[in-house]
């Protein structure tokens, strides 16, 4: 009973647009614009994942966790294509993988297709899906697992491999 009440409160907070420190922020149709503005002039990684629908996502998140430990300030944005009801499971997964402090978001629209279209009209929901943004915000889409070799190469290209 208490667990259900806590889940309802957390879902309400996520839906209200108020995110606690360490909590994924609500991702709406204009969130990508805000993320891109926050990283203006800087490269970053936008990774789409799901705690509920994607077994391959955990392998990619594990890779990101490894790199976050060795590359302080890894410019990583994680967007979960789950509903706010999954925030507790998302938080637990990110904490376990060493990603509790990253820029995290969760889909917050009753019609997730709108959000997928806002991110990329050519994206139909396959996960994981990662966008590698360079400093001029030209982006490369990676469908499926990014892989360590590709991540290392991108970090070198962006001069972030320290």
N, C-alpha and C. Protein backbone atom coordinates (compact mmCIF):
# COMPACT_ATOMS: atom_id res chain seq x y z
N UNK A 1 0.82 -1.19 0.00
CA UNK A 1 0.00 0.00 0.00
C UNK A 1 0.87 1.26 0.00
N UNK A 2 1.86 1.31 0.89
CA UNK A 2 2.75 2.47 0.96
C UNK A 2 3.54 2.61 -0.33
N UNK A 3 3.96 1.47 -0.88
CA UNK A 3 4.73 1.50 -2.13
C UNK A 3 3.88 2.11 -3.24
N UNK A 4 2.61 1.77 -3.30
CA UNK A 4 1.72 2.33 -4.33
C UNK A 4 1.55 3.83 -4.16
N UNK A 5 1.43 4.26 -2.93
CA UNK A 5 1.28 5.69 -2.66
C UNK A 5 2.54 6.43 -3.08
N UNK A 6 3.71 5.90 -2.72
CA UNK A 6 4.97 6.52 -3.14
C UNK A 6 5.10 6.56 -4.65
N UNK A 7 4.73 5.48 -5.33
CA UNK A 7 4.78 5.44 -6.79
C UNK A 7 3.85 6.50 -7.38
N UNK A 8 2.67 6.65 -6.82
CA UNK A 8 1.72 7.66 -7.31
C UNK A 8 2.26 9.07 -7.11
N UNK A 9 2.88 9.32 -5.95
CA UNK A 9 3.46 10.65 -5.69
C UNK A 9 4.58 10.93 -6.65
N UNK A 10 5.46 9.95 -6.87
CA UNK A 10 6.58 10.16 -7.79
C UNK A 10 6.09 10.37 -9.22
N UNK A 11 5.09 9.62 -9.62
CA UNK A 11 4.54 9.81 -10.96
C UNK A 11 3.91 11.19 -11.09
N UNK A 12 3.23 11.65 -10.03
CA UNK A 12 2.63 12.98 -10.06
C UNK A 12 3.70 14.06 -10.16
N UNK A 13 4.78 13.89 -9.40
CA UNK A 13 5.89 14.86 -9.50
C UNK A 13 6.49 14.87 -10.89
N UNK A 14 6.69 13.70 -11.46
CA UNK A 14 7.26 13.64 -12.81
C UNK A 14 6.34 14.29 -13.81
N UNK A 15 5.04 14.07 -13.68
CA UNK A 15 4.08 14.65 -14.62
C UNK A 15 3.94 16.15 -14.43
N UNK A 16 4.18 16.63 -13.25
CA UNK A 16 4.00 18.05 -12.98
C UNK A 16 5.13 18.91 -13.53
N UNK A 17 6.20 18.29 -13.97
CA UNK A 17 7.33 19.05 -14.48
C UNK A 17 8.32 19.42 -13.39
N UNK A 18 8.09 18.95 -12.17
CA UNK A 18 9.00 19.21 -11.06
C UNK A 18 9.82 17.94 -10.85
N UNK A 19 11.11 18.05 -11.06
CA UNK A 19 11.96 16.88 -10.87
C UNK A 19 12.87 17.12 -9.68
N UNK A 20 12.92 16.14 -8.79
CA UNK A 20 13.85 16.20 -7.67
C UNK A 20 15.25 15.96 -8.19
N UNK A 21 16.23 16.39 -7.44
CA UNK A 21 17.61 16.11 -7.81
C UNK A 21 17.77 14.61 -7.98
N UNK A 22 18.35 14.19 -9.08
CA UNK A 22 18.52 12.77 -9.36
C UNK A 22 17.33 12.12 -10.00
N UNK A 23 16.24 12.84 -10.14
CA UNK A 23 15.05 12.30 -10.78
C UNK A 23 15.03 12.68 -12.25
N UNK A 24 14.59 11.79 -13.11
CA UNK A 24 14.45 12.16 -14.52
C UNK A 24 13.42 13.29 -14.68
N UNK A 25 13.75 14.24 -15.54
CA UNK A 25 12.84 15.34 -15.83
C UNK A 25 11.81 14.89 -16.86
N UNK A 26 10.63 15.47 -16.86
CA UNK A 26 9.62 15.11 -17.86
C UNK A 26 10.05 15.55 -19.26
N UNK A 27 10.05 14.62 -20.20
CA UNK A 27 10.41 14.92 -21.58
C UNK A 27 9.12 15.15 -22.36
N UNK A 28 8.97 16.38 -22.89
CA UNK A 28 7.79 16.76 -23.66
C UNK A 28 8.23 17.14 -25.07
N UNK A 29 7.29 17.57 -25.89
CA UNK A 29 7.58 17.86 -27.30
C UNK A 29 8.65 18.93 -27.49
N UNK A 30 8.83 19.84 -26.53
CA UNK A 30 9.84 20.89 -26.69
C UNK A 30 11.14 20.62 -25.93
N UNK A 31 11.24 19.47 -25.30
CA UNK A 31 12.42 19.17 -24.48
C UNK A 31 13.70 19.06 -25.29
N UNK A 32 13.65 18.50 -26.48
CA UNK A 32 14.87 18.37 -27.27
C UNK A 32 15.45 19.74 -27.58
N UNK A 33 14.61 20.72 -27.89
CA UNK A 33 15.09 22.09 -28.12
C UNK A 33 15.82 22.61 -26.89
N UNK A 34 15.27 22.35 -25.71
CA UNK A 34 15.91 22.82 -24.47
C UNK A 34 17.23 22.11 -24.22
N UNK A 35 17.27 20.83 -24.52
CA UNK A 35 18.52 20.07 -24.35
C UNK A 35 19.58 20.60 -25.31
N UNK A 36 19.21 20.79 -26.57
CA UNK A 36 20.17 21.30 -27.55
C UNK A 36 20.65 22.69 -27.17
N UNK A 37 19.78 23.52 -26.64
CA UNK A 37 20.18 24.86 -26.21
C UNK A 37 21.16 24.78 -25.03
N UNK A 38 20.92 23.86 -24.11
CA UNK A 38 21.81 23.69 -22.96
C UNK A 38 23.22 23.29 -23.40
N UNK A 39 23.31 22.53 -24.46
CA UNK A 39 24.61 22.06 -24.97
C UNK A 39 25.08 22.86 -26.19
N UNK A 40 24.57 24.06 -26.36
CA UNK A 40 24.94 24.89 -27.51
C UNK A 40 26.45 25.02 -27.63
N UNK A 41 26.95 24.74 -28.83
CA UNK A 41 28.38 24.86 -29.09
C UNK A 41 29.23 23.73 -28.52
N UNK A 42 28.58 22.73 -27.94
CA UNK A 42 29.31 21.61 -27.33
C UNK A 42 28.76 20.28 -27.86
N UNK A 43 29.63 19.29 -28.02
CA UNK A 43 29.14 17.97 -28.41
C UNK A 43 28.43 17.30 -27.24
N UNK A 44 27.50 16.42 -27.56
CA UNK A 44 26.86 15.62 -26.51
C UNK A 44 26.25 14.37 -27.12
N UNK A 45 25.93 13.45 -26.24
CA UNK A 45 25.31 12.17 -26.62
C UNK A 45 23.88 12.18 -26.11
N UNK A 46 22.94 11.89 -26.99
CA UNK A 46 21.54 11.72 -26.61
C UNK A 46 21.21 10.25 -26.78
N UNK A 47 20.94 9.57 -25.68
CA UNK A 47 20.68 8.14 -25.73
C UNK A 47 19.24 7.87 -25.31
N UNK A 48 18.52 7.15 -26.16
CA UNK A 48 17.14 6.77 -25.90
C UNK A 48 17.12 5.32 -25.45
N UNK A 49 16.43 5.05 -24.36
CA UNK A 49 16.44 3.73 -23.77
C UNK A 49 15.13 3.46 -23.08
N UNK A 50 14.99 2.26 -22.55
CA UNK A 50 13.81 1.90 -21.77
C UNK A 50 14.20 0.88 -20.71
N UNK A 51 13.71 1.10 -19.52
CA UNK A 51 13.92 0.14 -18.45
C UNK A 51 12.90 -0.99 -18.58
N UNK A 52 11.84 -0.76 -19.31
CA UNK A 52 10.72 -1.69 -19.41
C UNK A 52 10.73 -2.52 -20.68
N UNK A 53 11.18 -1.96 -21.78
CA UNK A 53 10.99 -2.59 -23.09
C UNK A 53 12.28 -2.94 -23.82
N UNK A 54 13.45 -2.87 -23.20
CA UNK A 54 14.69 -2.98 -23.97
C UNK A 54 15.78 -3.70 -23.19
N UNK A 55 16.01 -4.94 -23.49
CA UNK A 55 17.07 -5.68 -22.81
C UNK A 55 18.45 -5.22 -23.27
N UNK A 56 18.59 -4.78 -24.52
CA UNK A 56 19.88 -4.31 -25.03
C UNK A 56 20.29 -2.97 -24.43
N UNK A 57 19.33 -2.23 -23.93
CA UNK A 57 19.63 -0.91 -23.36
C UNK A 57 20.54 -1.01 -22.14
N UNK A 58 20.39 -2.06 -21.36
CA UNK A 58 21.20 -2.20 -20.15
C UNK A 58 22.68 -2.33 -20.51
N UNK A 59 22.98 -3.07 -21.57
CA UNK A 59 24.39 -3.21 -22.00
C UNK A 59 24.95 -1.84 -22.39
N UNK A 60 24.15 -1.05 -23.10
CA UNK A 60 24.62 0.28 -23.49
C UNK A 60 24.76 1.20 -22.29
N UNK A 61 23.82 1.15 -21.37
CA UNK A 61 23.92 1.97 -20.16
C UNK A 61 25.12 1.55 -19.32
N UNK A 62 25.42 0.26 -19.29
CA UNK A 62 26.60 -0.22 -18.58
C UNK A 62 27.86 0.39 -19.18
N UNK A 63 27.92 0.44 -20.51
CA UNK A 63 29.05 1.06 -21.20
C UNK A 63 29.14 2.55 -20.83
N UNK A 64 28.01 3.25 -20.85
CA UNK A 64 28.02 4.66 -20.48
C UNK A 64 28.48 4.84 -19.04
N UNK A 65 28.05 3.97 -18.15
CA UNK A 65 28.47 4.05 -16.75
C UNK A 65 29.98 3.90 -16.62
N UNK A 66 30.54 2.96 -17.36
CA UNK A 66 32.00 2.75 -17.36
C UNK A 66 32.71 4.01 -17.83
N UNK A 67 32.22 4.60 -18.91
CA UNK A 67 32.87 5.80 -19.45
C UNK A 67 32.64 7.01 -18.56
N UNK A 68 31.51 7.09 -17.90
CA UNK A 68 31.24 8.22 -17.00
C UNK A 68 32.23 8.22 -15.84
N UNK A 69 32.69 7.04 -15.42
CA UNK A 69 33.68 6.96 -14.34
C UNK A 69 35.05 7.41 -14.80
N UNK A 70 35.39 7.15 -16.05
CA UNK A 70 36.73 7.49 -16.54
C UNK A 70 36.79 8.80 -17.31
N UNK A 71 35.65 9.33 -17.71
CA UNK A 71 35.59 10.59 -18.47
C UNK A 71 34.68 11.56 -17.71
N UNK A 72 35.28 12.26 -16.75
CA UNK A 72 34.51 13.21 -15.95
C UNK A 72 33.81 14.20 -16.88
N UNK A 73 32.57 14.46 -16.63
CA UNK A 73 31.83 15.42 -17.45
C UNK A 73 31.40 14.86 -18.80
N UNK A 74 31.30 13.53 -18.92
CA UNK A 74 30.82 12.93 -20.16
C UNK A 74 29.49 13.60 -20.53
N UNK A 75 29.41 14.23 -21.71
CA UNK A 75 28.20 14.97 -22.07
C UNK A 75 27.08 14.02 -22.51
N UNK A 76 26.42 13.42 -21.55
CA UNK A 76 25.45 12.37 -21.79
C UNK A 76 24.06 12.79 -21.34
N UNK A 77 23.10 12.62 -22.24
CA UNK A 77 21.70 12.87 -21.92
C UNK A 77 20.95 11.57 -22.16
N UNK A 78 20.29 11.07 -21.14
CA UNK A 78 19.53 9.82 -21.24
C UNK A 78 18.04 10.14 -21.24
N UNK A 79 17.35 9.66 -22.26
CA UNK A 79 15.91 9.87 -22.36
C UNK A 79 15.24 8.49 -22.37
N UNK A 80 14.49 8.22 -21.33
CA UNK A 80 13.78 6.94 -21.24
C UNK A 80 12.44 7.05 -21.97
N UNK A 81 12.20 6.12 -22.84
CA UNK A 81 10.95 6.08 -23.60
C UNK A 81 9.88 5.32 -22.81
N UNK A 82 9.91 5.47 -21.52
CA UNK A 82 8.95 4.86 -20.61
C UNK A 82 8.03 5.94 -20.08
N UNK A 83 6.99 5.56 -19.40
CA UNK A 83 6.11 6.54 -18.77
C UNK A 83 6.66 6.92 -17.41
N UNK A 84 6.20 8.05 -16.84
CA UNK A 84 6.66 8.45 -15.51
C UNK A 84 6.43 7.40 -14.42
N UNK A 85 5.52 6.46 -14.65
CA UNK A 85 5.29 5.40 -13.65
C UNK A 85 6.53 4.54 -13.44
N UNK A 86 7.46 4.54 -14.39
CA UNK A 86 8.67 3.73 -14.29
C UNK A 86 9.84 4.47 -13.66
N UNK A 87 9.64 5.69 -13.20
CA UNK A 87 10.73 6.48 -12.62
C UNK A 87 11.46 5.74 -11.49
N UNK A 88 10.78 5.08 -10.55
CA UNK A 88 11.54 4.37 -9.51
C UNK A 88 12.48 3.30 -10.08
N UNK A 89 12.02 2.53 -11.04
CA UNK A 89 12.85 1.50 -11.66
C UNK A 89 13.98 2.14 -12.45
N UNK A 90 13.70 3.25 -13.11
CA UNK A 90 14.74 3.96 -13.86
C UNK A 90 15.82 4.47 -12.92
N UNK A 91 15.40 5.11 -11.85
CA UNK A 91 16.35 5.65 -10.88
C UNK A 91 17.23 4.54 -10.32
N UNK A 92 16.62 3.43 -9.97
CA UNK A 92 17.37 2.30 -9.42
C UNK A 92 18.38 1.77 -10.45
N UNK A 93 17.98 1.66 -11.70
CA UNK A 93 18.87 1.18 -12.76
C UNK A 93 20.04 2.14 -12.95
N UNK A 94 19.74 3.44 -13.03
CA UNK A 94 20.81 4.42 -13.24
C UNK A 94 21.77 4.46 -12.06
N UNK A 95 21.27 4.35 -10.85
CA UNK A 95 22.14 4.33 -9.67
C UNK A 95 23.04 3.10 -9.70
N UNK A 96 22.46 1.96 -10.01
CA UNK A 96 23.22 0.70 -10.02
C UNK A 96 24.34 0.73 -11.06
N UNK A 97 24.12 1.44 -12.18
CA UNK A 97 25.09 1.48 -13.26
C UNK A 97 26.03 2.69 -13.20
N UNK A 98 25.95 3.46 -12.11
CA UNK A 98 26.85 4.61 -11.94
C UNK A 98 26.45 5.81 -12.76
N UNK A 99 25.17 5.93 -13.07
CA UNK A 99 24.68 7.03 -13.90
C UNK A 99 23.67 7.92 -13.18
N UNK A 100 23.67 7.88 -11.86
CA UNK A 100 22.68 8.63 -11.09
C UNK A 100 22.78 10.13 -11.31
N UNK A 101 23.95 10.66 -11.64
CA UNK A 101 24.12 12.10 -11.78
C UNK A 101 23.98 12.63 -13.20
N UNK A 102 23.65 11.78 -14.16
CA UNK A 102 23.58 12.26 -15.54
C UNK A 102 22.28 13.01 -15.80
N UNK A 103 22.27 13.72 -16.90
CA UNK A 103 21.10 14.47 -17.36
C UNK A 103 20.07 13.44 -17.85
N UNK A 104 19.03 13.17 -17.04
CA UNK A 104 18.07 12.11 -17.36
C UNK A 104 16.66 12.68 -17.52
N UNK A 105 15.94 12.08 -18.47
CA UNK A 105 14.58 12.50 -18.81
C UNK A 105 13.71 11.26 -18.96
N UNK A 106 12.41 11.45 -18.86
CA UNK A 106 11.46 10.37 -19.08
C UNK A 106 10.29 10.91 -19.92
N UNK A 107 9.87 10.12 -20.92
CA UNK A 107 8.75 10.51 -21.76
C UNK A 107 7.56 10.90 -20.89
N UNK A 108 6.94 12.02 -21.25
CA UNK A 108 5.78 12.49 -20.49
C UNK A 108 4.71 12.99 -21.45
N UNK A 109 4.13 12.05 -22.16
CA UNK A 109 3.05 12.35 -23.11
C UNK A 109 2.23 11.08 -23.25
N UNK A 110 0.91 11.19 -23.19
CA UNK A 110 0.09 9.98 -23.33
C UNK A 110 0.22 9.34 -24.72
N UNK A 111 0.74 10.10 -25.68
CA UNK A 111 0.94 9.57 -27.04
C UNK A 111 2.44 9.64 -27.33
N UNK A 112 3.19 8.58 -27.00
CA UNK A 112 4.65 8.62 -27.14
C UNK A 112 5.12 8.84 -28.59
N UNK A 113 4.28 8.52 -29.55
CA UNK A 113 4.65 8.75 -30.95
C UNK A 113 4.95 10.23 -31.21
N UNK A 114 4.25 11.12 -30.51
CA UNK A 114 4.52 12.56 -30.67
C UNK A 114 5.95 12.89 -30.26
N UNK A 115 6.39 12.28 -29.17
CA UNK A 115 7.74 12.56 -28.68
C UNK A 115 8.78 11.94 -29.59
N UNK A 116 8.52 10.72 -30.06
CA UNK A 116 9.46 10.10 -31.00
C UNK A 116 9.59 10.96 -32.25
N UNK A 117 8.49 11.47 -32.75
CA UNK A 117 8.51 12.32 -33.94
C UNK A 117 9.25 13.63 -33.67
N UNK A 118 9.09 14.19 -32.48
CA UNK A 118 9.79 15.43 -32.13
C UNK A 118 11.31 15.22 -32.10
N UNK A 119 11.73 14.03 -31.72
CA UNK A 119 13.16 13.71 -31.69
C UNK A 119 13.67 13.44 -33.09
N UNK A 120 12.92 12.62 -33.83
CA UNK A 120 13.36 12.22 -35.17
C UNK A 120 12.16 11.61 -35.90
N UNK A 121 11.66 12.28 -36.94
CA UNK A 121 10.52 11.74 -37.68
C UNK A 121 10.78 10.35 -38.27
N UNK A 122 12.05 9.98 -38.42
CA UNK A 122 12.39 8.67 -38.98
C UNK A 122 12.52 7.59 -37.91
N UNK A 123 12.27 7.94 -36.65
CA UNK A 123 12.39 6.97 -35.57
C UNK A 123 11.02 6.38 -35.25
N UNK A 124 10.96 5.06 -35.27
CA UNK A 124 9.69 4.37 -35.02
C UNK A 124 9.67 3.62 -33.69
N UNK A 125 10.64 3.90 -32.83
CA UNK A 125 10.59 3.33 -31.49
C UNK A 125 11.61 2.27 -31.17
N UNK A 126 12.44 1.86 -32.14
CA UNK A 126 13.43 0.82 -31.84
C UNK A 126 14.46 1.36 -30.85
N UNK A 127 14.86 0.50 -29.92
CA UNK A 127 15.76 0.88 -28.84
C UNK A 127 16.86 -0.16 -28.68
N UNK A 128 18.02 0.20 -28.20
CA UNK A 128 18.43 1.58 -27.93
C UNK A 128 18.66 2.34 -29.24
N UNK A 129 18.60 3.65 -29.13
CA UNK A 129 18.87 4.56 -30.25
C UNK A 129 19.66 5.72 -29.67
N UNK A 130 20.77 6.03 -30.30
CA UNK A 130 21.66 7.06 -29.79
C UNK A 130 21.96 8.07 -30.88
N UNK A 131 22.02 9.32 -30.48
CA UNK A 131 22.41 10.40 -31.40
C UNK A 131 23.69 11.00 -30.87
N UNK A 132 24.71 11.01 -31.73
CA UNK A 132 26.00 11.60 -31.40
C UNK A 132 26.04 12.99 -32.02
N UNK A 133 25.99 14.01 -31.20
CA UNK A 133 26.00 15.40 -31.66
C UNK A 133 27.42 15.93 -31.62
N UNK A 134 27.85 16.58 -32.70
CA UNK A 134 29.14 17.27 -32.64
C UNK A 134 28.90 18.68 -32.11
N UNK A 135 29.94 19.49 -32.02
CA UNK A 135 29.82 20.84 -31.45
C UNK A 135 28.90 21.73 -32.27
N UNK A 136 28.75 21.45 -33.56
CA UNK A 136 27.83 22.24 -34.40
C UNK A 136 26.44 21.62 -34.45
N UNK A 137 26.25 20.60 -33.67
CA UNK A 137 24.99 19.87 -33.51
C UNK A 137 24.53 19.16 -34.78
N UNK A 138 25.50 18.77 -35.59
CA UNK A 138 25.20 17.79 -36.63
C UNK A 138 25.18 16.47 -35.89
N UNK A 139 24.20 15.65 -36.16
CA UNK A 139 24.08 14.43 -35.38
C UNK A 139 24.09 13.18 -36.26
N UNK A 140 24.62 12.12 -35.68
CA UNK A 140 24.65 10.81 -36.30
C UNK A 140 23.74 9.91 -35.47
N UNK A 141 22.82 9.22 -36.13
CA UNK A 141 21.95 8.28 -35.43
C UNK A 141 22.61 6.91 -35.41
N UNK A 142 22.56 6.27 -34.25
CA UNK A 142 23.06 4.90 -34.10
C UNK A 142 21.88 4.07 -33.62
N UNK A 143 21.47 3.11 -34.44
CA UNK A 143 20.37 2.22 -34.08
C UNK A 143 20.96 0.95 -33.51
N UNK A 144 20.49 0.53 -32.36
CA UNK A 144 21.07 -0.62 -31.68
C UNK A 144 22.18 -0.15 -30.76
N UNK A 145 22.91 -1.11 -30.22
CA UNK A 145 23.97 -0.76 -29.27
C UNK A 145 25.06 0.06 -29.93
N UNK A 146 25.48 1.10 -29.25
CA UNK A 146 26.53 1.98 -29.74
C UNK A 146 27.87 1.26 -29.82
N UNK A 147 28.24 0.57 -28.80
CA UNK A 147 29.49 -0.17 -28.79
C UNK A 147 30.67 0.68 -28.34
N UNK A 148 31.60 0.03 -27.65
CA UNK A 148 32.74 0.74 -27.07
C UNK A 148 33.64 1.35 -28.14
N UNK A 149 33.89 0.63 -29.23
CA UNK A 149 34.78 1.16 -30.27
C UNK A 149 34.21 2.44 -30.87
N UNK A 150 32.93 2.43 -31.16
CA UNK A 150 32.30 3.62 -31.75
C UNK A 150 32.29 4.78 -30.76
N UNK A 151 32.03 4.50 -29.50
CA UNK A 151 32.03 5.55 -28.49
C UNK A 151 33.43 6.15 -28.33
N UNK A 152 34.45 5.31 -28.27
CA UNK A 152 35.82 5.81 -28.15
C UNK A 152 36.19 6.68 -29.35
N UNK A 153 35.83 6.23 -30.55
CA UNK A 153 36.13 7.00 -31.77
C UNK A 153 35.44 8.36 -31.73
N UNK A 154 34.18 8.38 -31.32
CA UNK A 154 33.44 9.65 -31.25
C UNK A 154 34.08 10.59 -30.22
N UNK A 155 34.45 10.05 -29.06
CA UNK A 155 35.09 10.87 -28.03
C UNK A 155 36.41 11.46 -28.55
N UNK A 156 37.17 10.65 -29.30
CA UNK A 156 38.42 11.17 -29.89
C UNK A 156 38.11 12.27 -30.89
N UNK A 157 37.14 12.05 -31.77
CA UNK A 157 36.76 13.05 -32.77
C UNK A 157 36.36 14.37 -32.12
N UNK A 158 35.71 14.29 -30.99
CA UNK A 158 35.21 15.47 -30.30
C UNK A 158 36.24 16.03 -29.31
N UNK A 159 37.37 15.39 -29.23
CA UNK A 159 38.45 15.77 -28.31
C UNK A 159 37.99 15.71 -26.85
N UNK A 160 37.26 14.65 -26.56
CA UNK A 160 36.75 14.42 -25.21
C UNK A 160 37.33 13.15 -24.61
N UNK A 161 38.39 12.63 -25.19
CA UNK A 161 38.91 11.33 -24.78
C UNK A 161 39.93 11.40 -23.65
N UNK A 162 39.86 12.39 -22.82
CA UNK A 162 40.80 12.52 -21.71
C UNK A 162 40.28 11.82 -20.48
